[in-house]
Each structure stands twice: as C-alpha cells, then as structure tokens.
Amino acid sequence: MTFDPDYVVHPGETLKEVMRALHLDVVALARRTSYPDRILRDVIRGRAPITSGLALRLEETFGISAAFWRKLQRNYTRRLARLKGSA
C-alpha cells in the first residue's frame, strides 16, 4: 500500500516549526540570515518558494542542510503539480 495524500504542505510550514522550536520570529530570522523579512514572511505563508539561496542561508543559520530545504521545495512543487493534474 502506498501513502498518497490528497494534500500538500508548503515547506514554509517546516520553516515555521523550526523557528517556533528555536523561539525565533521573522525579524530575528531576517537578521540572522541577512534575508529580507518580507520574503521570509511570504515563504512562511506559502506564497514564495524556498530558493537555493535561501536554503543556503538556512543551512548556515540552523545547521539543517541546504539539500534538505531544496528537497522539501522540490517535493512540494512536484506533489502540487500532481494534485492539480488530477483535479
């Protein structure tokens, strides 16, 4: 049996959970990553992707590999396309 959910979770949700666990808000993360808080807010809200550049900054900040963040985004994008294709 294959797990095949009918929903998809944006990688910004994972970022939000990591931030919550570390008691960071968007402004603090923006300072630590030197990344615009406006873009970080859009990622957390699911309105913008985690780019390769942001993935590298998150790796430097959290110690969570850039490959992990890129894979989350890639899987999200693929799953979203499949769901839209089956609608």
N, C-alpha and C. Protein backbone atom coordinates (compact mmCIF):
# COMPACT_ATOMS: atom_id res chain seq x y z
N MET A 1 0.84 -1.17 0.00
CA MET A 1 0.00 0.00 0.00
C MET A 1 0.89 1.25 0.00
N THR A 2 0.55 2.19 -0.84
CA THR A 2 1.31 3.42 -0.97
C THR A 2 0.55 4.57 -0.33
N PHE A 3 1.27 5.38 0.43
CA PHE A 3 0.67 6.56 1.03
C PHE A 3 0.59 7.64 -0.05
N ASP A 4 -0.61 8.07 -0.36
CA ASP A 4 -0.82 9.05 -1.42
C ASP A 4 -1.83 10.09 -0.96
N PRO A 5 -1.38 11.06 -0.15
CA PRO A 5 -2.33 12.04 0.40
C PRO A 5 -2.92 12.94 -0.68
N ASP A 6 -4.07 13.49 -0.40
CA ASP A 6 -4.73 14.39 -1.34
C ASP A 6 -4.49 15.85 -0.95
N TYR A 7 -3.37 16.10 -0.28
CA TYR A 7 -3.00 17.45 0.13
C TYR A 7 -1.49 17.58 0.03
N VAL A 8 -1.03 18.80 0.13
CA VAL A 8 0.41 19.06 0.09
C VAL A 8 0.72 20.18 1.09
N VAL A 9 1.87 20.08 1.74
CA VAL A 9 2.26 21.06 2.75
C VAL A 9 3.46 21.85 2.23
N HIS A 10 3.31 23.16 2.20
CA HIS A 10 4.39 24.04 1.73
C HIS A 10 5.57 23.95 2.70
N PRO A 11 6.80 23.99 2.18
CA PRO A 11 7.97 23.92 3.06
C PRO A 11 8.08 25.07 4.05
N GLY A 12 7.35 26.13 3.81
CA GLY A 12 7.31 27.24 4.77
C GLY A 12 6.76 26.79 6.10
N GLU A 13 5.90 25.77 6.09
CA GLU A 13 5.38 25.22 7.35
C GLU A 13 6.50 24.61 8.18
N THR A 14 7.42 23.92 7.52
CA THR A 14 8.56 23.34 8.23
C THR A 14 9.45 24.44 8.78
N LEU A 15 9.67 25.46 7.98
CA LEU A 15 10.47 26.59 8.44
C LEU A 15 9.82 27.23 9.66
N LYS A 16 8.51 27.40 9.61
CA LYS A 16 7.78 27.99 10.74
C LYS A 16 7.96 27.13 12.00
N GLU A 17 7.91 25.82 11.86
CA GLU A 17 8.08 24.93 13.01
C GLU A 17 9.48 25.02 13.60
N VAL A 18 10.49 25.10 12.73
CA VAL A 18 11.87 25.24 13.21
C VAL A 18 12.02 26.56 13.96
N MET A 19 11.46 27.61 13.39
CA MET A 19 11.53 28.92 14.05
C MET A 19 10.83 28.88 15.40
N ARG A 20 9.68 28.24 15.45
CA ARG A 20 8.93 28.15 16.71
C ARG A 20 9.75 27.39 17.76
N ALA A 21 10.38 26.29 17.35
CA ALA A 21 11.17 25.49 18.29
C ALA A 21 12.35 26.28 18.85
N LEU A 22 12.87 27.20 18.04
CA LEU A 22 14.02 28.00 18.47
C LEU A 22 13.62 29.37 19.00
N HIS A 23 12.31 29.59 19.12
CA HIS A 23 11.78 30.86 19.63
C HIS A 23 12.26 32.06 18.81
N LEU A 24 12.22 31.91 17.49
CA LEU A 24 12.62 32.98 16.58
C LEU A 24 11.40 33.55 15.88
N ASP A 25 11.36 34.86 15.74
CA ASP A 25 10.33 35.45 14.90
C ASP A 25 10.96 35.81 13.54
N VAL A 26 10.17 36.31 12.65
CA VAL A 26 10.65 36.59 11.29
C VAL A 26 11.74 37.66 11.30
N VAL A 27 11.58 38.67 12.12
CA VAL A 27 12.58 39.74 12.18
C VAL A 27 13.93 39.18 12.65
N ALA A 28 13.91 38.34 13.66
CA ALA A 28 15.15 37.73 14.16
C ALA A 28 15.79 36.83 13.11
N LEU A 29 14.96 36.06 12.40
CA LEU A 29 15.50 35.20 11.35
C LEU A 29 16.08 36.05 10.22
N ALA A 30 15.41 37.13 9.88
CA ALA A 30 15.92 38.02 8.83
C ALA A 30 17.29 38.56 9.21
N ARG A 31 17.44 38.94 10.47
CA ARG A 31 18.74 39.44 10.94
C ARG A 31 19.80 38.35 10.85
N ARG A 32 19.46 37.16 11.29
CA ARG A 32 20.45 36.07 11.30
C ARG A 32 20.84 35.62 9.90
N THR A 33 19.90 35.66 8.97
CA THR A 33 20.17 35.17 7.62
C THR A 33 20.56 36.27 6.65
N SER A 34 20.39 37.53 7.06
CA SER A 34 20.57 38.67 6.15
C SER A 34 19.66 38.52 4.93
N TYR A 35 18.48 38.00 5.18
CA TYR A 35 17.48 37.78 4.12
C TYR A 35 16.30 38.68 4.42
N PRO A 36 15.69 39.29 3.41
CA PRO A 36 14.58 40.22 3.67
C PRO A 36 13.42 39.57 4.41
N ASP A 37 12.96 40.22 5.47
CA ASP A 37 11.85 39.66 6.24
C ASP A 37 10.58 39.55 5.40
N ARG A 38 10.41 40.42 4.43
CA ARG A 38 9.25 40.36 3.54
C ARG A 38 9.22 39.03 2.77
N ILE A 39 10.36 38.60 2.29
CA ILE A 39 10.43 37.33 1.56
C ILE A 39 10.23 36.16 2.52
N LEU A 40 10.84 36.23 3.69
CA LEU A 40 10.67 35.17 4.68
C LEU A 40 9.20 35.02 5.07
N ARG A 41 8.51 36.12 5.23
CA ARG A 41 7.07 36.07 5.55
C ARG A 41 6.31 35.36 4.42
N ASP A 42 6.64 35.69 3.18
CA ASP A 42 5.97 35.05 2.05
C ASP A 42 6.24 33.55 2.00
N VAL A 43 7.45 33.14 2.34
CA VAL A 43 7.77 31.71 2.37
C VAL A 43 6.94 31.03 3.46
N ILE A 44 6.92 31.61 4.64
CA ILE A 44 6.19 31.02 5.76
C ILE A 44 4.69 30.93 5.45
N ARG A 45 4.18 31.89 4.72
CA ARG A 45 2.76 31.89 4.36
C ARG A 45 2.45 31.01 3.15
N GLY A 46 3.49 30.42 2.56
CA GLY A 46 3.27 29.55 1.41
C GLY A 46 3.11 30.29 0.10
N ARG A 47 3.51 31.54 0.07
CA ARG A 47 3.35 32.37 -1.13
C ARG A 47 4.61 32.45 -1.98
N ALA A 48 5.74 32.00 -1.42
CA ALA A 48 7.02 32.06 -2.13
C ALA A 48 7.78 30.77 -1.85
N PRO A 49 8.62 30.35 -2.79
CA PRO A 49 9.39 29.12 -2.61
C PRO A 49 10.64 29.33 -1.76
N ILE A 50 11.17 28.25 -1.27
CA ILE A 50 12.49 28.28 -0.66
C ILE A 50 13.47 28.11 -1.81
N THR A 51 14.16 29.19 -2.13
CA THR A 51 15.11 29.18 -3.24
C THR A 51 16.42 28.53 -2.78
N SER A 52 17.29 28.27 -3.73
CA SER A 52 18.60 27.71 -3.38
C SER A 52 19.38 28.66 -2.49
N GLY A 53 19.28 29.96 -2.78
CA GLY A 53 19.98 30.95 -1.94
C GLY A 53 19.47 30.96 -0.52
N LEU A 54 18.16 30.91 -0.37
CA LEU A 54 17.59 30.88 0.98
C LEU A 54 17.95 29.57 1.66
N ALA A 55 17.93 28.48 0.93
CA ALA A 55 18.30 27.18 1.51
C ALA A 55 19.72 27.23 2.10
N LEU A 56 20.63 27.88 1.40
CA LEU A 56 22.00 28.02 1.90
C LEU A 56 22.05 28.85 3.17
N ARG A 57 21.27 29.92 3.20
CA ARG A 57 21.23 30.77 4.40
C ARG A 57 20.63 30.02 5.59
N LEU A 58 19.61 29.21 5.32
CA LEU A 58 19.00 28.43 6.40
C LEU A 58 19.98 27.38 6.91
N GLU A 59 20.76 26.80 6.01
CA GLU A 59 21.78 25.84 6.44
C GLU A 59 22.79 26.52 7.37
N GLU A 60 23.25 27.69 6.99
CA GLU A 60 24.21 28.43 7.81
C GLU A 60 23.62 28.82 9.16
N THR A 61 22.33 29.11 9.17
CA THR A 61 21.67 29.58 10.39
C THR A 61 21.29 28.45 11.33
N PHE A 62 20.69 27.39 10.77
CA PHE A 62 20.15 26.31 11.60
C PHE A 62 21.01 25.06 11.64
N GLY A 63 21.94 24.93 10.69
CA GLY A 63 22.71 23.70 10.60
C GLY A 63 21.93 22.57 9.95
N ILE A 64 20.81 22.90 9.35
CA ILE A 64 19.99 21.93 8.61
C ILE A 64 20.38 22.09 7.15
N SER A 65 20.82 21.02 6.52
CA SER A 65 21.42 21.12 5.20
C SER A 65 20.55 21.82 4.17
N ALA A 66 21.21 22.54 3.27
CA ALA A 66 20.53 23.20 2.17
C ALA A 66 19.81 22.16 1.32
N ALA A 67 20.41 20.97 1.20
CA ALA A 67 19.78 19.90 0.41
C ALA A 67 18.42 19.53 0.99
N PHE A 68 18.30 19.52 2.31
CA PHE A 68 17.02 19.23 2.95
C PHE A 68 15.96 20.24 2.53
N TRP A 69 16.31 21.54 2.62
CA TRP A 69 15.35 22.58 2.27
C TRP A 69 14.98 22.54 0.79
N ARG A 70 15.99 22.30 -0.07
CA ARG A 70 15.71 22.21 -1.52
C ARG A 70 14.82 21.00 -1.82
N LYS A 71 15.07 19.89 -1.11
CA LYS A 71 14.25 18.70 -1.34
C LYS A 71 12.81 18.93 -0.89
N LEU A 72 12.62 19.60 0.23
CA LEU A 72 11.26 19.93 0.66
C LEU A 72 10.53 20.72 -0.43
N GLN A 73 11.22 21.73 -0.98
CA GLN A 73 10.61 22.57 -2.01
C GLN A 73 10.33 21.76 -3.27
N ARG A 74 11.28 20.96 -3.69
CA ARG A 74 11.12 20.13 -4.90
C ARG A 74 9.95 19.16 -4.74
N ASN A 75 9.88 18.50 -3.59
CA ASN A 75 8.78 17.56 -3.35
C ASN A 75 7.43 18.27 -3.32
N TYR A 76 7.41 19.45 -2.71
CA TYR A 76 6.17 20.24 -2.66
C TYR A 76 5.73 20.60 -4.07
N THR A 77 6.65 21.10 -4.87
CA THR A 77 6.33 21.53 -6.23
C THR A 77 5.81 20.36 -7.06
N ARG A 78 6.47 19.22 -6.96
CA ARG A 78 6.04 18.03 -7.72
C ARG A 78 4.66 17.54 -7.26
N ARG A 79 4.49 17.47 -5.96
CA ARG A 79 3.21 16.97 -5.42
C ARG A 79 2.07 17.91 -5.79
N LEU A 80 2.30 19.20 -5.73
CA LEU A 80 1.30 20.18 -6.10
C LEU A 80 0.91 20.01 -7.57
N ALA A 81 1.89 19.81 -8.43
CA ALA A 81 1.62 19.61 -9.86
C ALA A 81 0.79 18.36 -10.08
N ARG A 82 1.11 17.29 -9.35
CA ARG A 82 0.32 16.04 -9.49
C ARG A 82 -1.12 16.25 -9.05
N LEU A 83 -1.28 16.95 -7.92
CA LEU A 83 -2.63 17.18 -7.43
C LEU A 83 -3.44 18.06 -8.38
N LYS A 84 -2.81 19.06 -8.94
CA LYS A 84 -3.50 19.92 -9.89
C LYS A 84 -3.84 19.17 -11.17
N GLY A 85 -2.96 18.24 -11.55
CA GLY A 85 -3.19 17.44 -12.75
C GLY A 85 -4.31 16.45 -12.61
N SER A 86 -4.59 16.05 -11.37
CA SER A 86 -5.65 15.05 -11.14
C SER A 86 -6.98 15.71 -10.81
N ALA A 87 -7.01 17.03 -10.76
CA ALA A 87 -8.26 17.74 -10.41
C ALA A 87 -9.18 17.87 -11.59
